[in-house]
Amino acid sequence: MTTEMRVRQQLHLIETLLREHGQWQSVAPDASVFDSTQPFCMDTLEPFEWLQWVLIPRMHALLDGHHPLPGSFAVAPYYEIALDSSHPARDAVLAQLEVLDALFTGDDE
């Protein structure tokens, strides 16, 4: 399986987890929240919102357009800090984000 296929598969897995944990939103936030200059739009979006409305669609757009994927990539460290340890979806989503990160570092073997 190619890296691109594995990345797409991992994105689908993360989306599924967000849906299973009731973190997937049916209505997009106001467009102004995407004007943030902060990493992960941390001043305008909640962590799971950023996954849904920024990371997942942008990664799919790269894949759909056959554009190069980022050479380095790490979102799991942010989520380790950003998500409260008592959040019911934290551990499951964090584990899948670590798998996604590993696809970009070559540590996925």
Protein backbone atom coordinates (compact mmCIF):
# COMPACT_ATOMS: atom_id res chain seq x y z
CA MET A 1 0.00 0.00 0.00
CA THR A 2 1.38 3.43 -0.90
CA THR A 3 1.99 6.14 1.68
CA GLU A 4 -0.78 8.17 0.08
CA MET A 5 -3.25 5.32 0.49
CA ARG A 6 -2.17 4.80 4.09
CA VAL A 7 -2.56 8.51 4.86
CA ARG A 8 -6.05 8.55 3.35
CA GLN A 9 -6.97 5.41 5.31
CA GLN A 10 -5.71 7.01 8.52
CA LEU A 11 -7.70 10.18 7.87
CA HIS A 12 -10.85 8.09 7.44
CA LEU A 13 -10.08 6.27 10.68
CA ILE A 14 -9.71 9.57 12.55
CA GLU A 15 -12.98 10.83 11.10
CA THR A 16 -14.72 7.63 12.15
CA LEU A 17 -13.42 8.01 15.70
CA LEU A 18 -14.61 11.60 15.87
CA ARG A 19 -18.05 10.51 14.70
CA GLU A 20 -18.18 7.60 17.16
CA HIS A 21 -17.34 9.94 20.03
CA GLY A 22 -19.87 12.58 19.00
CA GLN A 23 -17.18 15.09 18.04
CA TRP A 24 -18.07 15.41 14.32
CA GLN A 25 -20.09 18.52 13.55
CA SER A 26 -22.78 18.73 10.90
CA VAL A 27 -22.54 22.50 10.46
CA ALA A 28 -19.33 24.27 9.47
CA PRO A 29 -18.17 27.13 11.68
CA ASP A 30 -18.26 30.70 10.43
CA ALA A 31 -15.58 31.36 7.80
CA SER A 32 -13.96 33.98 10.03
CA VAL A 33 -12.59 31.30 12.38
CA PHE A 34 -10.19 30.24 9.64
CA ASP A 35 -8.56 33.69 9.61
CA SER A 36 -6.65 32.77 12.76
CA THR A 37 -2.90 33.29 12.76
CA GLN A 38 -2.41 30.86 15.64
CA PRO A 39 -1.19 27.29 15.07
CA PHE A 40 -4.12 24.87 14.94
CA CYS A 41 -6.44 27.91 15.00
CA MET A 42 -6.22 27.48 18.76
CA ASP A 43 -7.80 30.86 19.36
CA THR A 44 -10.86 30.18 17.20
CA LEU A 45 -11.40 26.40 17.01
CA GLU A 46 -11.52 23.58 19.49
CA PRO A 47 -8.93 20.83 18.84
CA PHE A 48 -11.39 18.36 17.30
CA GLU A 49 -12.89 21.13 15.16
CA TRP A 50 -9.45 21.83 13.69
CA LEU A 51 -9.11 18.17 12.74
CA GLN A 52 -12.50 18.17 11.04
CA TRP A 53 -12.44 21.54 9.35
CA VAL A 54 -8.74 22.06 8.60
CA LEU A 55 -6.46 19.02 8.74
CA ILE A 56 -8.68 16.32 7.25
CA PRO A 57 -9.99 18.38 4.30
CA ARG A 58 -6.57 19.86 3.50
CA MET A 59 -4.88 16.47 3.54
CA HIS A 60 -7.61 15.03 1.31
CA ALA A 61 -7.17 18.00 -1.06
CA LEU A 62 -3.43 17.30 -1.30
CA LEU A 63 -4.10 13.65 -2.00
CA ASP A 64 -6.89 14.34 -4.49
CA GLY A 65 -4.71 16.81 -6.37
CA HIS A 66 -1.72 14.44 -6.35
CA HIS A 67 0.32 17.13 -4.60
CA PRO A 68 3.37 16.27 -2.51
CA LEU A 69 2.63 15.46 1.08
CA PRO A 70 4.42 17.36 3.84
CA GLY A 71 7.97 16.17 4.46
CA SER A 72 7.56 16.36 8.21
CA PHE A 73 4.40 16.29 10.18
CA ALA A 74 3.47 16.05 13.86
CA VAL A 75 0.07 16.88 15.29
CA ALA A 76 -0.07 14.35 18.12
CA PRO A 77 2.17 16.40 20.48
CA TYR A 78 -0.28 19.31 20.30
CA TYR A 79 -3.20 17.01 21.07
CA GLU A 80 -1.39 15.51 24.05
CA ILE A 81 -1.39 19.00 25.56
CA ALA A 82 -4.61 20.45 24.13
CA LEU A 83 -6.98 17.67 25.15
CA ASP A 84 -7.94 17.28 28.75
CA SER A 85 -6.81 13.89 30.02
CA SER A 86 -10.39 13.11 31.06
CA HIS A 87 -11.85 13.70 27.58
CA PRO A 88 -13.49 10.40 26.54
CA ALA A 89 -12.13 10.52 22.98
CA ARG A 90 -8.61 11.65 23.92
CA ASP A 91 -6.74 8.34 24.06
CA ALA A 92 -8.36 6.80 20.99
CA VAL A 93 -7.87 9.87 18.79
CA LEU A 94 -4.38 10.54 20.11
CA ALA A 95 -3.32 6.97 19.26
CA GLN A 96 -4.55 7.40 15.68
CA LEU A 97 -2.87 10.81 15.33
CA GLU A 98 0.40 9.19 16.40
CA VAL A 99 -0.06 6.62 13.62
CA LEU A 100 -0.70 9.46 11.16
CA ASP A 101 2.41 11.31 12.31
CA ALA A 102 4.48 8.15 11.90
CA LEU A 103 3.51 7.98 8.23
CA PHE A 104 5.42 11.23 7.71
CA THR A 105 8.49 10.32 9.75
CA GLY A 106 9.06 6.83 8.42
CA ASP A 107 8.39 5.36 11.87
CA ASP A 108 5.34 3.44 10.67
CA GLU A 109 7.06 0.19 9.81
